[in-house]
C-alpha atoms as a PDB file:
ATOM      1  CA  GLN A   1      83.160   3.175   5.801  1.00  0.00           C
ATOM      2  CA  VAL A   2      80.153   4.111   3.687  1.00  0.00           C
ATOM      3  CA  GLN A   3      80.222   7.702   2.458  1.00  0.00           C
ATOM      4  CA  LEU A   4      77.225  10.016   2.431  1.00  0.00           C
ATOM      5  CA  VAL A   5      77.032  13.116   0.227  1.00  0.00           C
ATOM      6  CA  GLU A   6      74.352  15.779   0.543  1.00  0.00           C
ATOM      7  CA  SER A   7      73.200  18.185  -2.156  1.00  0.00           C
ATOM      8  CA  GLY A   8      70.377  20.632  -2.805  1.00  0.00           C
ATOM      9  CA  GLY A   9      71.116  23.361  -0.306  1.00  0.00           C
ATOM     10  CA  GLY A  10      71.064  27.045  -1.162  1.00  0.00           C
ATOM     11  CA  LEU A  11      69.469  30.413  -0.564  1.00  0.00           C
ATOM     12  CA  VAL A  12      65.675  30.631  -0.534  1.00  0.00           C
ATOM     13  CA  GLN A  13      63.157  33.262   0.509  1.00  0.00           C
ATOM     14  CA  PRO A  14      60.825  32.720   3.468  1.00  0.00           C
ATOM     15  CA  GLY A  15      57.860  30.600   2.414  1.00  0.00           C
ATOM     16  CA  GLY A  16      59.874  28.897  -0.300  1.00  0.00           C
ATOM     17  CA  SER A  17      60.887  25.269  -0.787  1.00  0.00           C
ATOM     18  CA  LEU A  18      64.050  23.219  -1.172  1.00  0.00           C
ATOM     19  CA  LYS A  19      64.663  19.510  -1.608  1.00  0.00           C
ATOM     20  CA  LEU A  20      67.805  18.018  -0.150  1.00  0.00           C
ATOM     21  CA  SER A  21      69.281  14.739  -1.353  1.00  0.00           C
ATOM     22  CA  CYS A  22      71.744  12.373   0.298  1.00  0.00           C
ATOM     23  CA  VAL A  23      73.408   9.658  -1.757  1.00  0.00           C
ATOM     24  CA  THR A  24      75.169   6.720  -0.106  1.00  0.00           C
ATOM     25  CA  SER A  25      78.264   5.104  -1.608  1.00  0.00           C
ATOM     26  CA  GLY A  26      76.961   1.671  -0.647  1.00  0.00           C
ATOM     27  CA  SER A  27      73.515   0.133  -0.482  1.00  0.00           C
ATOM     28  CA  ILE A  28      71.156   2.298   1.555  1.00  0.00           C
ATOM     29  CA  SER A  29      69.449  -0.919   2.675  1.00  0.00           C
ATOM     30  CA  MET A  30      72.343  -1.649   5.038  1.00  0.00           C
ATOM     31  CA  PHE A  31      71.271   1.241   7.283  1.00  0.00           C
ATOM     32  CA  ASN A  32      68.717   0.631  10.028  1.00  0.00           C
ATOM     33  CA  THR A  33      67.768   4.314   9.935  1.00  0.00           C
ATOM     34  CA  MET A  34      68.582   7.339   7.825  1.00  0.00           C
ATOM     35  CA  ALA A  35      68.144  10.816   9.212  1.00  0.00           C
ATOM     36  CA  TRP A  36      68.610  14.515   8.635  1.00  0.00           C
ATOM     37  CA  TYR A  37      70.159  16.723  11.300  1.00  0.00           C
ATOM     38  CA  ARG A  38      70.855  20.432  11.210  1.00  0.00           C
ATOM     39  CA  GLN A  39      73.140  22.851  13.007  1.00  0.00           C
ATOM     40  CA  PRO A  40      72.027  26.488  13.094  1.00  0.00           C
ATOM     41  CA  PRO A  41      74.692  29.185  13.522  1.00  0.00           C
ATOM     42  CA  GLU A  42      76.215  29.092  17.020  1.00  0.00           C
ATOM     43  CA  LYS A  43      73.863  26.318  18.135  1.00  0.00           C
ATOM     44  CA  GLN A  44      74.121  22.584  18.668  1.00  0.00           C
ATOM     45  CA  ARG A  45      73.281  19.996  16.059  1.00  0.00           C
ATOM     46  CA  GLU A  46      69.656  18.859  16.272  1.00  0.00           C
ATOM     47  CA  LEU A  47      67.595  16.054  14.801  1.00  0.00           C
ATOM     48  CA  VAL A  48      65.187  17.070  12.024  1.00  0.00           C
ATOM     49  CA  ALA A  49      63.706  13.813  10.729  1.00  0.00           C
ATOM     50  CA  ILE A  50      64.312  10.047  10.734  1.00  0.00           C
ATOM     51  CA  ILE A  51      63.182   7.291   8.400  1.00  0.00           C
ATOM     52  CA  SER A  52      63.563   3.605   9.227  1.00  0.00           C
ATOM     53  CA  SER A  53      64.360   0.824   6.802  1.00  0.00           C
ATOM     54  CA  GLY A  54      60.665  -0.005   6.910  1.00  0.00           C
ATOM     55  CA  GLY A  55      59.641   3.531   6.039  1.00  0.00           C
ATOM     56  CA  THR A  56      58.494   4.742   9.457  1.00  0.00           C
ATOM     57  CA  THR A  57      59.113   8.462   9.856  1.00  0.00           C
ATOM     58  CA  THR A  58      59.564  10.769  12.844  1.00  0.00           C
ATOM     59  CA  TYR A  59      59.918  14.547  12.834  1.00  0.00           C
ATOM     60  CA  ALA A  60      61.034  17.286  15.164  1.00  0.00           C
ATOM     61  CA  ASP A  61      58.085  19.356  16.346  1.00  0.00           C
ATOM     62  CA  SER A  62      59.540  22.454  14.708  1.00  0.00           C
ATOM     63  CA  VAL A  63      59.269  20.946  11.200  1.00  0.00           C
ATOM     64  CA  LYS A  64      56.136  18.774  11.430  1.00  0.00           C
ATOM     65  CA  GLY A  65      53.747  19.508   8.591  1.00  0.00           C
ATOM     66  CA  ARG A  66      56.416  21.374   6.623  1.00  0.00           C
ATOM     67  CA  PHE A  67      59.211  18.839   5.988  1.00  0.00           C
ATOM     68  CA  THR A  68      58.970  15.357   4.505  1.00  0.00           C
ATOM     69  CA  ILE A  69      61.674  12.695   4.650  1.00  0.00           C
ATOM     70  CA  SER A  70      61.671   9.873   2.112  1.00  0.00           C
ATOM     71  CA  ARG A  71      64.001   7.270   0.688  1.00  0.00           C
ATOM     72  CA  ASP A  72      64.545   5.596  -2.671  1.00  0.00           C
ATOM     73  CA  ASN A  73      66.373   2.324  -2.109  1.00  0.00           C
ATOM     74  CA  ALA A  74      66.908   1.787  -5.833  1.00  0.00           C
ATOM     75  CA  LYS A  75      68.818   5.074  -6.011  1.00  0.00           C
ATOM     76  CA  ASN A  76      70.515   4.705  -2.602  1.00  0.00           C
ATOM     77  CA  THR A  77      69.161   8.149  -1.786  1.00  0.00           C
ATOM     78  CA  VAL A  78      67.297   9.787   1.070  1.00  0.00           C
ATOM     79  CA  TYR A  79      65.485  13.072   0.568  1.00  0.00           C
ATOM     80  CA  LEU A  80      64.266  15.943   2.679  1.00  0.00           C
ATOM     81  CA  GLN A  81      61.512  18.011   1.090  1.00  0.00           C
ATOM     82  CA  MET A  82      61.328  21.338   2.904  1.00  0.00           C
ATOM     83  CA  ASP A  83      58.289  23.571   2.366  1.00  0.00           C
ATOM     84  CA  SER A  84      57.120  26.814   3.976  1.00  0.00           C
ATOM     85  CA  LEU A  85      60.681  27.568   4.980  1.00  0.00           C
ATOM     86  CA  LYS A  86      61.336  30.050   7.762  1.00  0.00           C
ATOM     87  CA  PRO A  87      64.442  32.088   8.633  1.00  0.00           C
ATOM     88  CA  GLU A  88      64.911  29.866  11.687  1.00  0.00           C
ATOM     89  CA  ASP A  89      65.402  26.884   9.357  1.00  0.00           C
ATOM     90  CA  THR A  90      68.730  28.408   8.334  1.00  0.00           C
ATOM     91  CA  ALA A  91      71.429  25.860   9.170  1.00  0.00           C
ATOM     92  CA  VAL A  92      73.917  23.376   7.822  1.00  0.00           C
ATOM     93  CA  TYR A  93      71.967  20.191   7.115  1.00  0.00           C
ATOM     94  CA  TYR A  94      73.653  16.831   7.607  1.00  0.00           C
ATOM     95  CA  CYS A  95      72.702  13.371   6.433  1.00  0.00           C
ATOM     96  CA  ASN A  96      73.139  10.540   8.937  1.00  0.00           C
ATOM     97  CA  GLY A  97      73.038   6.778   8.617  1.00  0.00           C
ATOM     98  CA  LYS A  98      72.900   4.320  11.522  1.00  0.00           C
ATOM     99  CA  ILE A  99      73.833   0.647  11.545  1.00  0.00           C
ATOM    100  CA  LEU A 100      73.504  -1.252  14.830  1.00  0.00           C
ATOM    101  CA  PHE A 101      76.777  -1.672  16.741  1.00  0.00           C
ATOM    102  CA  ARG A 102      78.713   0.445  14.227  1.00  0.00           C
ATOM    103  CA  PRO A 103      79.754   4.127  14.253  1.00  0.00           C
ATOM    104  CA  ASP A 104      77.339   6.522  12.586  1.00  0.00           C
ATOM    105  CA  SER A 105      77.998   7.668   9.031  1.00  0.00           C
ATOM    106  CA  TRP A 106      77.762  11.409   8.328  1.00  0.00           C
ATOM    107  CA  GLY A 107      77.852  13.560   5.248  1.00  0.00           C
ATOM    108  CA  PRO A 108      79.888  16.784   5.073  1.00  0.00           C
ATOM    109  CA  GLY A 109      76.731  18.924   5.187  1.00  0.00           C
ATOM    110  CA  THR A 110      74.939  21.362   2.909  1.00  0.00           C
ATOM    111  CA  GLN A 111      74.088  24.972   3.754  1.00  0.00           C
ATOM    112  CA  VAL A 112      70.464  26.124   3.735  1.00  0.00           C
ATOM    113  CA  THR A 113      69.846  29.849   4.129  1.00  0.00           C
ATOM    114  CA  VAL A 114      66.334  31.267   4.382  1.00  0.00           C
ATOM    115  CA  SER A 115      66.398  35.033   3.897  1.00  0.00           C
ATOM    116  CA  LEU A 116      64.914  37.865   1.877  1.00  0.00           C
END
């Protein structure tokens, strides 16, 4: 099982920025898609952004224009650049990797808190 480890979370003021990173223990190229999910307090986990092996990206409406997902295959890393952060972006952010016909891989999560 490939392991994913997120980093970069923390406390930031509204309007600020954070960049999350997710490093895979194996080659990131094995994944058909990489994605970021988040789980706000007392709410269900939701999809934030996806990037395919070919670089195609998709975003949740709530983060379009503010968040950018990217990947660096040489570093086996996927990123989530988060700008213009809002209090409602507060959540635990999880990295996800999908390989066809295999169980998803998940990271343990990183906390992002947007508050004054």
